[in-house]
PDB file of N, CA and C in Angstrom:
ATOM      1  N   UNK A   1       0.791  -1.199   0.000  1.00  0.00           N
ATOM      2  CA  UNK A   1       0.000   0.000   0.000  1.00  0.00           C
ATOM      3  C   UNK A   1       0.835   1.266   0.000  1.00  0.00           C
ATOM      4  N   UNK A   2       2.158   1.139  -0.104  1.00  0.00           N
ATOM      5  CA  UNK A   2       3.024   2.303  -0.117  1.00  0.00           C
ATOM      6  C   UNK A   2       3.537   2.533  -1.535  1.00  0.00           C
ATOM      7  N   UNK A   3       3.352   3.737  -2.059  1.00  0.00           N
ATOM      8  CA  UNK A   3       3.886   4.076  -3.372  1.00  0.00           C
ATOM      9  C   UNK A   3       5.335   4.517  -3.236  1.00  0.00           C
ATOM     10  N   UNK A   4       6.234   3.883  -3.977  1.00  0.00           N
ATOM     11  CA  UNK A   4       7.654   4.222  -3.874  1.00  0.00           C
ATOM     12  C   UNK A   4       8.182   4.885  -5.135  1.00  0.00           C
ATOM     13  N   UNK A   5       7.408   4.924  -6.196  1.00  0.00           N
ATOM     14  CA  UNK A   5       7.903   5.491  -7.440  1.00  0.00           C
ATOM     15  C   UNK A   5       8.891   4.562  -8.113  1.00  0.00           C
ATOM     16  N   UNK A   6       9.326   4.927  -9.284  1.00  0.00           N
ATOM     17  CA  UNK A   6      10.268   4.114 -10.048  1.00  0.00           C
ATOM     18  C   UNK A   6      11.685   4.475  -9.647  1.00  0.00           C
ATOM     19  N   UNK A   7      12.552   3.500  -9.641  1.00  0.00           N
ATOM     20  CA  UNK A   7      13.954   3.720  -9.302  1.00  0.00           C
ATOM     21  C   UNK A   7      14.833   3.280 -10.460  1.00  0.00           C
ATOM     22  N   UNK A   8      16.080   3.645 -10.410  1.00  0.00           N
ATOM     23  CA  UNK A   8      17.027   3.249 -11.451  1.00  0.00           C
ATOM     24  C   UNK A   8      18.275   2.701 -10.784  1.00  0.00           C
ATOM     25  N   UNK A   9      18.875   1.715 -11.370  1.00  0.00           N
ATOM     26  CA  UNK A   9      18.451   1.095 -12.621  1.00  0.00           C
ATOM     27  C   UNK A   9      17.381   0.032 -12.398  1.00  0.00           C
ATOM     28  N   UNK A  10      16.665  -0.271 -13.477  1.00  0.00           N
ATOM     29  CA  UNK A  10      15.868  -1.489 -13.528  1.00  0.00           C
ATOM     30  C   UNK A  10      16.840  -2.539 -14.033  1.00  0.00           C
ATOM     31  N   UNK A  11      16.981  -3.593 -13.284  1.00  0.00           N
ATOM     32  CA  UNK A  11      18.002  -4.595 -13.557  1.00  0.00           C
ATOM     33  C   UNK A  11      17.346  -5.925 -13.892  1.00  0.00           C
ATOM     34  N   UNK A  12      17.677  -6.468 -15.037  1.00  0.00           N
ATOM     35  CA  UNK A  12      17.165  -7.773 -15.463  1.00  0.00           C
ATOM     36  C   UNK A  12      18.315  -8.761 -15.407  1.00  0.00           C
ATOM     37  N   UNK A  13      18.139  -9.829 -14.639  1.00  0.00           N
ATOM     38  CA  UNK A  13      19.141 -10.890 -14.617  1.00  0.00           C
ATOM     39  C   UNK A  13      18.819 -11.839 -15.759  1.00  0.00           C
ATOM     40  N   UNK A  14      19.729 -11.937 -16.697  1.00  0.00           N
ATOM     41  CA  UNK A  14      19.558 -12.809 -17.861  1.00  0.00           C
ATOM     42  C   UNK A  14      20.360 -14.081 -17.650  1.00  0.00           C
ATOM     43  N   UNK A  15      19.757 -15.180 -17.995  1.00  0.00           N
ATOM     44  CA  UNK A  15      20.415 -16.476 -17.924  1.00  0.00           C
ATOM     45  C   UNK A  15      20.599 -16.936 -19.361  1.00  0.00           C
ATOM     46  N   UNK A  16      21.803 -16.758 -19.928  1.00  0.00           N
ATOM     47  CA  UNK A  16      21.978 -16.998 -21.361  1.00  0.00           C
ATOM     48  C   UNK A  16      21.896 -18.477 -21.733  1.00  0.00           C
ATOM     49  N   UNK A  17      21.258 -18.730 -22.877  1.00  0.00           N
ATOM     50  CA  UNK A  17      21.226 -20.064 -23.472  1.00  0.00           C
ATOM     51  C   UNK A  17      22.556 -20.294 -24.192  1.00  0.00           C
ATOM     52  N   UNK A  18      22.761 -21.474 -24.710  1.00  0.00           N
ATOM     53  CA  UNK A  18      24.020 -21.799 -25.398  1.00  0.00           C
ATOM     54  C   UNK A  18      24.300 -20.877 -26.579  1.00  0.00           C
ATOM     55  N   UNK A  19      23.248 -20.404 -27.251  1.00  0.00           N
ATOM     56  CA  UNK A  19      23.441 -19.518 -28.408  1.00  0.00           C
ATOM     57  C   UNK A  19      23.564 -18.057 -28.005  1.00  0.00           C
ATOM     58  N   UNK A  20      23.546 -17.759 -26.687  1.00  0.00           N
ATOM     59  CA  UNK A  20      23.690 -16.390 -26.202  1.00  0.00           C
ATOM     60  C   UNK A  20      22.377 -15.681 -25.940  1.00  0.00           C
ATOM     61  N   UNK A  21      21.268 -16.199 -26.478  1.00  0.00           N
ATOM     62  CA  UNK A  21      19.965 -15.571 -26.253  1.00  0.00           C
ATOM     63  C   UNK A  21      19.516 -15.794 -24.815  1.00  0.00           C
ATOM     64  N   UNK A  22      18.525 -15.038 -24.406  1.00  0.00           N
ATOM     65  CA  UNK A  22      17.985 -15.199 -23.050  1.00  0.00           C
ATOM     66  C   UNK A  22      17.198 -16.500 -22.973  1.00  0.00           C
ATOM     67  N   UNK A  23      17.332 -17.214 -21.866  1.00  0.00           N
ATOM     68  CA  UNK A  23      16.392 -18.282 -21.582  1.00  0.00           C
ATOM     69  C   UNK A  23      15.085 -17.627 -21.167  1.00  0.00           C
ATOM     70  N   UNK A  24      14.017 -18.391 -21.116  1.00  0.00           N
ATOM     71  CA  UNK A  24      12.729 -17.804 -20.752  1.00  0.00           C
ATOM     72  C   UNK A  24      12.728 -17.291 -19.326  1.00  0.00           C
ATOM     73  N   UNK A  25      13.590 -17.834 -18.489  1.00  0.00           N
ATOM     74  CA  UNK A  25      13.653 -17.399 -17.092  1.00  0.00           C
ATOM     75  C   UNK A  25      14.495 -16.123 -17.010  1.00  0.00           C
ATOM     76  N   UNK A  26      13.893 -15.048 -16.558  1.00  0.00           N
ATOM     77  CA  UNK A  26      14.617 -13.813 -16.258  1.00  0.00           C
ATOM     78  C   UNK A  26      14.129 -13.324 -14.898  1.00  0.00           C
ATOM     79  N   UNK A  27      14.917 -12.470 -14.291  1.00  0.00           N
ATOM     80  CA  UNK A  27      14.562 -11.924 -12.984  1.00  0.00           C
ATOM     81  C   UNK A  27      14.690 -10.407 -13.082  1.00  0.00           C
ATOM     82  N   UNK A  28      13.627  -9.696 -12.757  1.00  0.00           N
ATOM     83  CA  UNK A  28      13.629  -8.240 -12.812  1.00  0.00           C
ATOM     84  C   UNK A  28      13.799  -7.710 -11.387  1.00  0.00           C
ATOM     85  N   UNK A  29      14.745  -6.796 -11.206  1.00  0.00           N
ATOM     86  CA  UNK A  29      15.022  -6.230  -9.884  1.00  0.00           C
ATOM     87  C   UNK A  29      14.913  -4.713  -9.935  1.00  0.00           C
ATOM     88  N   UNK A  30      14.321  -4.166  -8.889  1.00  0.00           N
ATOM     89  CA  UNK A  30      14.208  -2.721  -8.729  1.00  0.00           C
ATOM     90  C   UNK A  30      14.874  -2.332  -7.423  1.00  0.00           C
ATOM     91  N   UNK A  31      15.541  -1.206  -7.413  1.00  0.00           N
ATOM     92  CA  UNK A  31      16.189  -0.720  -6.198  1.00  0.00           C
ATOM     93  C   UNK A  31      15.139  -0.105  -5.284  1.00  0.00           C
ATOM     94  N   UNK A  32      15.170  -0.481  -4.026  1.00  0.00           N
ATOM     95  CA  UNK A  32      14.272   0.128  -3.048  1.00  0.00           C
ATOM     96  C   UNK A  32      14.843   1.504  -2.703  1.00  0.00           C
ATOM     97  N   UNK A  33      14.023   2.571  -2.768  1.00  0.00           N
ATOM     98  CA  UNK A  33      14.516   3.907  -2.453  1.00  0.00           C
ATOM     99  C   UNK A  33      15.146   3.970  -1.056  1.00  0.00           C
ATOM    100  N   UNK A  34      16.109   4.858  -0.904  1.00  0.00           N
ATOM    101  CA  UNK A  34      16.904   4.966   0.321  1.00  0.00           C
ATOM    102  C   UNK A  34      16.051   5.064   1.577  1.00  0.00           C
ATOM    103  N   UNK A  35      14.977   5.849   1.545  1.00  0.00           N
ATOM    104  CA  UNK A  35      14.187   6.049   2.751  1.00  0.00           C
ATOM    105  C   UNK A  35      13.462   4.784   3.211  1.00  0.00           C
ATOM    106  N   UNK A  36      13.376   3.747   2.352  1.00  0.00           N
ATOM    107  CA  UNK A  36      12.709   2.498   2.701  1.00  0.00           C
ATOM    108  C   UNK A  36      13.678   1.346   2.948  1.00  0.00           C
ATOM    109  N   UNK A  37      14.975   1.551   2.749  1.00  0.00           N
ATOM    110  CA  UNK A  37      15.894   0.427   2.785  1.00  0.00           C
ATOM    111  C   UNK A  37      16.042  -0.205   4.163  1.00  0.00           C
ATOM    112  N   UNK A  38      16.005   0.563   5.242  1.00  0.00           N
ATOM    113  CA  UNK A  38      16.128  -0.022   6.578  1.00  0.00           C
ATOM    114  C   UNK A  38      14.891  -0.796   6.996  1.00  0.00           C
ATOM    115  N   UNK A  39      13.735  -0.415   6.469  1.00  0.00           N
ATOM    116  CA  UNK A  39      12.484  -1.077   6.836  1.00  0.00           C
ATOM    117  C   UNK A  39      11.559  -1.098   5.622  1.00  0.00           C
ATOM    118  N   UNK A  40      11.850  -1.952   4.623  1.00  0.00           N
ATOM    119  CA  UNK A  40      11.030  -1.948   3.403  1.00  0.00           C
ATOM    120  C   UNK A  40       9.614  -2.446   3.671  1.00  0.00           C
ATOM    121  N   UNK A  41       8.627  -1.892   2.957  1.00  0.00           N
ATOM    122  CA  UNK A  41       7.262  -2.391   3.108  1.00  0.00           C
ATOM    123  C   UNK A  41       7.182  -3.845   2.640  1.00  0.00           C
ATOM    124  N   UNK A  42       6.324  -4.623   3.254  1.00  0.00           N
ATOM    125  CA  UNK A  42       6.168  -6.039   2.898  1.00  0.00           C
ATOM    126  C   UNK A  42       5.321  -6.153   1.637  1.00  0.00           C
ATOM    127  N   UNK A  43       5.804  -6.904   0.648  1.00  0.00           N
ATOM    128  CA  UNK A  43       5.008  -7.091  -0.574  1.00  0.00           C
ATOM    129  C   UNK A  43       3.729  -7.865  -0.282  1.00  0.00           C
ATOM    130  N   UNK A  44       2.661  -7.528  -0.982  1.00  0.00           N
ATOM    131  CA  UNK A  44       1.410  -8.264  -0.848  1.00  0.00           C
ATOM    132  C   UNK A  44       1.272  -9.332  -1.918  1.00  0.00           C
ATOM    133  N   UNK A  45       2.139  -9.316  -2.908  1.00  0.00           N
ATOM    134  CA  UNK A  45       2.146 -10.316  -3.978  1.00  0.00           C
ATOM    135  C   UNK A  45       3.243 -11.324  -3.665  1.00  0.00           C
ATOM    136  N   UNK A  46       2.901 -12.603  -3.610  1.00  0.00           N
ATOM    137  CA  UNK A  46       3.888 -13.635  -3.252  1.00  0.00           C
ATOM    138  C   UNK A  46       5.000 -13.801  -4.283  1.00  0.00           C
ATOM    139  N   UNK A  47       4.819 -13.276  -5.484  1.00  0.00           N
ATOM    140  CA  UNK A  47       5.864 -13.353  -6.504  1.00  0.00           C
ATOM    141  C   UNK A  47       6.931 -12.278  -6.336  1.00  0.00           C
ATOM    142  N   UNK A  48       6.686 -11.325  -5.465  1.00  0.00           N
ATOM    143  CA  UNK A  48       7.651 -10.250  -5.219  1.00  0.00           C
ATOM    144  C   UNK A  48       8.443 -10.590  -3.970  1.00  0.00           C
ATOM    145  N   UNK A  49       9.751 -10.589  -4.101  1.00  0.00           N
ATOM    146  CA  UNK A  49      10.649 -10.904  -2.989  1.00  0.00           C
ATOM    147  C   UNK A  49      11.562  -9.717  -2.742  1.00  0.00           C
ATOM    148  N   UNK A  50      11.909  -9.494  -1.485  1.00  0.00           N
ATOM    149  CA  UNK A  50      12.892  -8.477  -1.142  1.00  0.00           C
ATOM    150  C   UNK A  50      14.208  -9.201  -0.891  1.00  0.00           C
ATOM    151  N   UNK A  51      15.235  -8.803  -1.629  1.00  0.00           N
ATOM    152  CA  UNK A  51      16.557  -9.400  -1.490  1.00  0.00           C
ATOM    153  C   UNK A  51      17.576  -8.302  -1.225  1.00  0.00           C
ATOM    154  N   UNK A  52      18.564  -8.635  -0.451  1.00  0.00           N
ATOM    155  CA  UNK A  52      19.673  -7.709  -0.264  1.00  0.00           C
ATOM    156  C   UNK A  52      20.781  -8.129  -1.210  1.00  0.00           C
ATOM    157  N   UNK A  53      21.156  -7.228  -2.077  1.00  0.00           N
ATOM    158  CA  UNK A  53      22.223  -7.512  -3.033  1.00  0.00           C
ATOM    159  C   UNK A  53      23.547  -7.130  -2.383  1.00  0.00           C
ATOM    160  N   UNK A  54      24.413  -8.097  -2.250  1.00  0.00           N
ATOM    161  CA  UNK A  54      25.725  -7.865  -1.654  1.00  0.00           C
ATOM    162  C   UNK A  54      26.587  -7.041  -2.608  1.00  0.00           C
ATOM    163  N   UNK A  55      27.620  -6.433  -2.050  1.00  0.00           N
ATOM    164  CA  UNK A  55      28.557  -5.692  -2.886  1.00  0.00           C
ATOM    165  C   UNK A  55      29.176  -6.622  -3.922  1.00  0.00           C
ATOM    166  N   UNK A  56      29.473  -6.084  -5.071  1.00  0.00           N
ATOM    167  CA  UNK A  56      30.057  -6.890  -6.138  1.00  0.00           C
ATOM    168  C   UNK A  56      30.983  -6.031  -6.982  1.00  0.00           C
ATOM    169  N   UNK A  57      31.897  -6.699  -7.625  1.00  0.00           N
ATOM    170  CA  UNK A  57      32.751  -6.050  -8.610  1.00  0.00           C
ATOM    171  C   UNK A  57      32.258  -6.501  -9.970  1.00  0.00           C
ATOM    172  N   UNK A  58      32.110  -5.557 -10.884  1.00  0.00           N
ATOM    173  CA  UNK A  58      31.548  -5.891 -12.188  1.00  0.00           C
ATOM    174  C   UNK A  58      32.458  -5.430 -13.323  1.00  0.00           C
ATOM    175  N   UNK A  59      32.305  -6.104 -14.441  1.00  0.00           N
ATOM    176  CA  UNK A  59      32.805  -5.629 -15.728  1.00  0.00           C
ATOM    177  C   UNK A  59      31.573  -5.089 -16.436  1.00  0.00           C
ATOM    178  N   UNK A  60      31.679  -3.904 -17.032  1.00  0.00           N
ATOM    179  CA  UNK A  60      30.497  -3.248 -17.566  1.00  0.00           C
ATOM    180  C   UNK A  60      30.755  -2.633 -18.934  1.00  0.00           C
ATOM    181  N   UNK A  61      29.702  -2.577 -19.729  1.00  0.00           N
ATOM    182  CA  UNK A  61      29.714  -1.807 -20.967  1.00  0.00           C
ATOM    183  C   UNK A  61      28.413  -1.026 -21.035  1.00  0.00           C
ATOM    184  N   UNK A  62      28.452   0.128 -21.669  1.00  0.00           N
ATOM    185  CA  UNK A  62      27.309   1.039 -21.719  1.00  0.00           C
ATOM    186  C   UNK A  62      26.932   1.296 -23.170  1.00  0.00           C
ATOM    187  N   UNK A  63      25.627   1.484 -23.418  1.00  0.00           N
ATOM    188  CA  UNK A  63      25.156   1.833 -24.753  1.00  0.00           C
ATOM    189  C   UNK A  63      23.858   2.618 -24.635  1.00  0.00           C
ATOM    190  N   UNK A  64      23.454   3.285 -25.701  1.00  0.00           N
ATOM    191  CA  UNK A  64      22.266   4.127 -25.687  1.00  0.00           C
ATOM    192  C   UNK A  64      21.100   3.510 -26.434  1.00  0.00           C
ATOM    193  N   UNK A  65      20.017   4.279 -26.530  1.00  0.00           N
ATOM    194  CA  UNK A  65      18.840   3.866 -27.279  1.00  0.00           C
ATOM    195  C   UNK A  65      17.840   3.093 -26.436  1.00  0.00           C
ATOM    196  N   UNK A  66      16.750   2.699 -27.084  1.00  0.00           N
ATOM    197  CA  UNK A  66      15.755   1.841 -26.445  1.00  0.00           C
ATOM    198  C   UNK A  66      16.253   0.408 -26.535  1.00  0.00           C
ATOM    199  N   UNK A  67      16.692  -0.146 -25.439  1.00  0.00           N
ATOM    200  CA  UNK A  67      17.331  -1.473 -25.442  1.00  0.00           C
ATOM    201  C   UNK A  67      16.290  -2.584 -25.546  1.00  0.00           C
ATOM    202  N   UNK A  68      16.584  -3.516 -26.438  1.00  0.00           N
ATOM    203  CA  UNK A  68      15.788  -4.728 -26.597  1.00  0.00           C
ATOM    204  C   UNK A  68      16.675  -5.911 -26.220  1.00  0.00           C
ATOM    205  N   UNK A  69      16.083  -7.090 -26.136  1.00  0.00           N
ATOM    206  CA  UNK A  69      16.858  -8.283 -25.805  1.00  0.00           C
ATOM    207  C   UNK A  69      18.052  -8.439 -26.748  1.00  0.00           C
ATOM    208  N   UNK A  70      17.847  -8.236 -28.031  1.00  0.00           N
ATOM    209  CA  UNK A  70      18.933  -8.395 -29.007  1.00  0.00           C
ATOM    210  C   UNK A  70      20.087  -7.436 -28.722  1.00  0.00           C
ATOM    211  N   UNK A  71      19.784  -6.235 -28.252  1.00  0.00           N
ATOM    212  CA  UNK A  71      20.834  -5.270 -27.912  1.00  0.00           C
ATOM    213  C   UNK A  71      21.659  -5.759 -26.726  1.00  0.00           C
ATOM    214  N   UNK A  72      20.977  -6.233 -25.690  1.00  0.00           N
ATOM    215  CA  UNK A  72      21.698  -6.747 -24.523  1.00  0.00           C
ATOM    216  C   UNK A  72      22.557  -7.954 -24.896  1.00  0.00           C
ATOM    217  N   UNK A  73      22.017  -8.851 -25.708  1.00  0.00           N
ATOM    218  CA  UNK A  73      22.779 -10.028 -26.144  1.00  0.00           C
ATOM    219  C   UNK A  73      24.000  -9.591 -26.939  1.00  0.00           C
ATOM    220  N   UNK A  74      23.820  -8.624 -27.839  1.00  0.00           N
ATOM    221  CA  UNK A  74      24.909  -8.117 -28.667  1.00  0.00           C
ATOM    222  C   UNK A  74      26.002  -7.472 -27.812  1.00  0.00           C
ATOM    223  N   UNK A  75      25.614  -6.616 -26.869  1.00  0.00           N
ATOM    224  CA  UNK A  75      26.618  -5.954 -26.038  1.00  0.00           C
ATOM    225  C   UNK A  75      27.259  -6.907 -25.037  1.00  0.00           C
ATOM    226  N   UNK A  76      26.533  -7.922 -24.599  1.00  0.00           N
ATOM    227  CA  UNK A  76      27.140  -8.955 -23.751  1.00  0.00           C
ATOM    228  C   UNK A  76      28.219  -9.697 -24.546  1.00  0.00           C
ATOM    229  N   UNK A  77      27.953  -9.988 -25.811  1.00  0.00           N
ATOM    230  CA  UNK A  77      28.953 -10.657 -26.651  1.00  0.00           C
ATOM    231  C   UNK A  77      30.170  -9.766 -26.864  1.00  0.00           C
ATOM    232  N   UNK A  78      29.947  -8.469 -27.057  1.00  0.00           N
ATOM    233  CA  UNK A  78      31.063  -7.530 -27.220  1.00  0.00           C
ATOM    234  C   UNK A  78      31.896  -7.434 -25.942  1.00  0.00           C
ATOM    235  N   UNK A  79      31.227  -7.403 -24.791  1.00  0.00           N
ATOM    236  CA  UNK A  79      31.944  -7.343 -23.520  1.00  0.00           C
ATOM    237  C   UNK A  79      32.750  -8.616 -23.310  1.00  0.00           C
ATOM    238  N   UNK A  80      32.157  -9.747 -23.617  1.00  0.00           N
ATOM    239  CA  UNK A  80      32.855 -11.030 -23.496  1.00  0.00           C
ATOM    240  C   UNK A  80      34.105 -11.039 -24.380  1.00  0.00           C
ATOM    241  N   UNK A  81      33.977 -10.571 -25.612  1.00  0.00           N
ATOM    242  CA  UNK A  81      35.123 -10.524 -26.527  1.00  0.00           C
ATOM    243  C   UNK A  81      36.192  -9.560 -26.017  1.00  0.00           C
ATOM    244  N   UNK A  82      35.785  -8.416 -25.481  1.00  0.00           N
ATOM    245  CA  UNK A  82      36.746  -7.434 -24.970  1.00  0.00           C
ATOM    246  C   UNK A  82      37.512  -7.971 -23.766  1.00  0.00           C
ATOM    247  N   UNK A  83      36.842  -8.759 -22.933  1.00  0.00           N
ATOM    248  CA  UNK A  83      37.498  -9.306 -21.741  1.00  0.00           C
ATOM    249  C   UNK A  83      38.441 -10.461 -22.071  1.00  0.00           C
ATOM    250  N   UNK A  84      38.191 -11.157 -23.163  1.00  0.00           N
ATOM    251  CA  UNK A  84      39.042 -12.281 -23.534  1.00  0.00           C
ATOM    252  C   UNK A  84      38.847 -13.464 -22.597  1.00  0.00           C
ATOM    253  N   UNK A  85      39.807 -14.339 -22.584  1.00  0.00           N
ATOM    254  CA  UNK A  85      39.674 -15.586 -21.817  1.00  0.00           C
ATOM    255  C   UNK A  85      40.262 -15.496 -20.415  1.00  0.00           C
ATOM    256  N   UNK A  86      40.985 -14.437 -20.103  1.00  0.00           N
ATOM    257  CA  UNK A  86      41.658 -14.356 -18.804  1.00  0.00           C
ATOM    258  C   UNK A  86      40.786 -13.803 -17.674  1.00  0.00           C
ATOM    259  N   UNK A  87      39.726 -13.072 -17.998  1.00  0.00           N
ATOM    260  CA  UNK A  87      38.880 -12.464 -16.967  1.00  0.00           C
ATOM    261  C   UNK A  87      37.978 -13.525 -16.333  1.00  0.00           C
ATOM    262  N   UNK A  88      37.945 -13.526 -15.013  1.00  0.00           N
ATOM    263  CA  UNK A  88      37.102 -14.478 -14.276  1.00  0.00           C
ATOM    264  C   UNK A  88      35.797 -13.792 -13.881  1.00  0.00           C
ATOM    265  N   UNK A  89      34.697 -14.222 -14.473  1.00  0.00           N
ATOM    266  CA  UNK A  89      33.384 -13.671 -14.153  1.00  0.00           C
ATOM    267  C   UNK A  89      32.346 -14.779 -14.282  1.00  0.00           C
ATOM    268  N   UNK A  90      31.189 -14.545 -13.679  1.00  0.00           N
ATOM    269  CA  UNK A  90      30.106 -15.529 -13.704  1.00  0.00           C
ATOM    270  C   UNK A  90      29.599 -15.695 -15.131  1.00  0.00           C
ATOM    271  N   UNK A  91      29.545 -16.921 -15.599  1.00  0.00           N
ATOM    272  CA  UNK A  91      29.088 -17.194 -16.966  1.00  0.00           C
ATOM    273  C   UNK A  91      27.621 -17.642 -16.994  1.00  0.00           C
ATOM    274  N   UNK A  92      27.049 -17.976 -15.836  1.00  0.00           N
ATOM    275  CA  UNK A  92      25.693 -18.512 -15.797  1.00  0.00           C
ATOM    276  C   UNK A  92      24.613 -17.424 -15.830  1.00  0.00           C
ATOM    277  N   UNK A  93      24.994 -16.171 -15.631  1.00  0.00           N
ATOM    278  CA  UNK A  93      24.041 -15.063 -15.715  1.00  0.00           C
ATOM    279  C   UNK A  93      24.807 -13.769 -15.949  1.00  0.00           C
ATOM    280  N   UNK A  94      24.092 -12.751 -16.394  1.00  0.00           N
ATOM    281  CA  UNK A  94      24.615 -11.385 -16.409  1.00  0.00           C
ATOM    282  C   UNK A  94      23.450 -10.437 -16.192  1.00  0.00           C
ATOM    283  N   UNK A  95      23.763  -9.185 -15.909  1.00  0.00           N
ATOM    284  CA  UNK A  95      22.745  -8.193 -15.567  1.00  0.00           C
ATOM    285  C   UNK A  95      22.600  -7.172 -16.684  1.00  0.00           C
ATOM    286  N   UNK A  96      21.354  -6.910 -17.051  1.00  0.00           N
ATOM    287  CA  UNK A  96      21.004  -5.926 -18.070  1.00  0.00           C
ATOM    288  C   UNK A  96      20.311  -4.773 -17.350  1.00  0.00           C
ATOM    289  N   UNK A  97      20.855  -3.581 -17.468  1.00  0.00           N
ATOM    290  CA  UNK A  97      20.373  -2.444 -16.674  1.00  0.00           C
ATOM    291  C   UNK A  97      19.910  -1.301 -17.560  1.00  0.00           C
ATOM    292  N   UNK A  98      18.735  -0.772 -17.231  1.00  0.00           N
ATOM    293  CA  UNK A  98      18.210   0.408 -17.902  1.00  0.00           C
ATOM    294  C   UNK A  98      18.006   1.508 -16.875  1.00  0.00           C
ATOM    295  N   UNK A  99      18.367   2.720 -17.232  1.00  0.00           N
ATOM    296  CA  UNK A  99      18.345   3.831 -16.281  1.00  0.00           C
ATOM    297  C   UNK A  99      17.271   4.876 -16.558  1.00  0.00           C
ATOM    298  N   UNK A 100      16.536   4.766 -17.642  1.00  0.00           N
ATOM    299  CA  UNK A 100      15.653   5.848 -18.052  1.00  0.00           C
ATOM    300  C   UNK A 100      14.196   5.429 -18.147  1.00  0.00           C
ATOM    301  N   UNK A 101      13.273   6.385 -17.901  1.00  0.00           N
ATOM    302  CA  UNK A 101      11.856   6.077 -18.066  1.00  0.00           C
ATOM    303  C   UNK A 101      11.525   5.884 -19.551  1.00  0.00           C
ATOM    304  N   UNK A 102      10.467   5.144 -19.850  1.00  0.00           N
ATOM    305  CA  UNK A 102      10.121   4.863 -21.247  1.00  0.00           C
ATOM    306  C   UNK A 102       9.878   6.106 -22.096  1.00  0.00           C
ATOM    307  N   UNK A 103       9.424   7.199 -21.470  1.00  0.00           N
ATOM    308  CA  UNK A 103       9.109   8.395 -22.248  1.00  0.00           C
ATOM    309  C   UNK A 103      10.314   9.277 -22.568  1.00  0.00           C
ATOM    310  N   UNK A 104      11.500   8.885 -22.147  1.00  0.00           N
ATOM    311  CA  UNK A 104      12.700   9.670 -22.465  1.00  0.00           C
ATOM    312  C   UNK A 104      13.221   9.229 -23.832  1.00  0.00           C
ATOM    313  N   UNK A 105      13.111  10.095 -24.856  1.00  0.00           N
ATOM    314  CA  UNK A 105      13.468   9.653 -26.212  1.00  0.00           C
ATOM    315  C   UNK A 105      14.964   9.713 -26.540  1.00  0.00           C
ATOM    316  N   UNK A 106      15.718  10.590 -25.881  1.00  0.00           N
ATOM    317  CA  UNK A 106      17.116  10.787 -26.246  1.00  0.00           C
ATOM    318  C   UNK A 106      18.022  10.658 -25.029  1.00  0.00           C
ATOM    319  N   UNK A 107      19.287  10.340 -25.276  1.00  0.00           N
ATOM    320  CA  UNK A 107      20.269  10.285 -24.208  1.00  0.00           C
ATOM    321  C   UNK A 107      20.030   9.138 -23.236  1.00  0.00           C
ATOM    322  N   UNK A 108      19.488   8.043 -23.737  1.00  0.00           N
ATOM    323  CA  UNK A 108      19.170   6.899 -22.878  1.00  0.00           C
ATOM    324  C   UNK A 108      20.455   6.154 -22.505  1.00  0.00           C
ATOM    325  N   UNK A 109      20.452   5.556 -21.308  1.00  0.00           N
ATOM    326  CA  UNK A 109      21.622   4.827 -20.808  1.00  0.00           C
ATOM    327  C   UNK A 109      21.224   3.394 -20.439  1.00  0.00           C
ATOM    328  N   UNK A 110      21.964   2.455 -21.001  1.00  0.00           N
ATOM    329  CA  UNK A 110      21.786   1.038 -20.712  1.00  0.00           C
ATOM    330  C   UNK A 110      23.166   0.448 -20.456  1.00  0.00           C
ATOM    331  N   UNK A 111      23.215  -0.599 -19.647  1.00  0.00           N
ATOM    332  CA  UNK A 111      24.497  -1.255 -19.354  1.00  0.00           C
ATOM    333  C   UNK A 111      24.312  -2.763 -19.282  1.00  0.00           C
ATOM    334  N   UNK A 112      25.378  -3.472 -19.609  1.00  0.00           N
ATOM    335  CA  UNK A 112      25.482  -4.905 -19.365  1.00  0.00           C
ATOM    336  C   UNK A 112      26.568  -5.087 -18.325  1.00  0.00           C
ATOM    337  N   UNK A 113      26.261  -5.876 -17.298  1.00  0.00           N
ATOM    338  CA  UNK A 113      27.238  -6.148 -16.224  1.00  0.00           C
ATOM    339  C   UNK A 113      27.545  -7.636 -16.169  1.00  0.00           C
ATOM    340  N   UNK A 114      28.821  -7.970 -16.128  1.00  0.00           N
ATOM    341  CA  UNK A 114      29.280  -9.307 -15.791  1.00  0.00           C
ATOM    342  C   UNK A 114      29.826  -9.221 -14.372  1.00  0.00           C
ATOM    343  N   UNK A 115      29.450 -10.133 -13.499  1.00  0.00           N
ATOM    344  CA  UNK A 115      29.862 -10.122 -12.107  1.00  0.00           C
ATOM    345  C   UNK A 115      31.175 -10.887 -11.967  1.00  0.00           C
ATOM    346  N   UNK A 116      32.180 -10.202 -11.453  1.00  0.00           N
ATOM    347  CA  UNK A 116      33.501 -10.814 -11.264  1.00  0.00           C
ATOM    348  C   UNK A 116      33.424 -11.923 -10.224  1.00  0.00           C
ATOM    349  N   UNK A 117      34.093 -13.031 -10.511  1.00  0.00           N
ATOM    350  CA  UNK A 117      34.121 -14.149  -9.551  1.00  0.00           C
ATOM    351  C   UNK A 117      35.085 -13.865  -8.436  1.00  0.00           C
TER     352      UNK A 117
END
């Protein structure tokens, strides 16, 4: 019953298939605003979970525009190629992040994050 507004980034955890595309299972995460973090409101929908994300080190790439699945897959492949074979990061998932509301037409910011092992 508490309105918190939209936060950024909206983070989608992608679980890549062998061909690099997203599997049907994805996880969407929203940041709880600072004023609610010590005592977040309890969700009334059982599909909504509150999780504490631990600190992490990431490898990241940024791009603009209205991001679609194909864009995230493409930039994840570019990041993987840029890192080469020596970088140790989680291969079973990566994070796709969008920072802008849908009505913002220009100067949009999107990122792909690989979590360092």
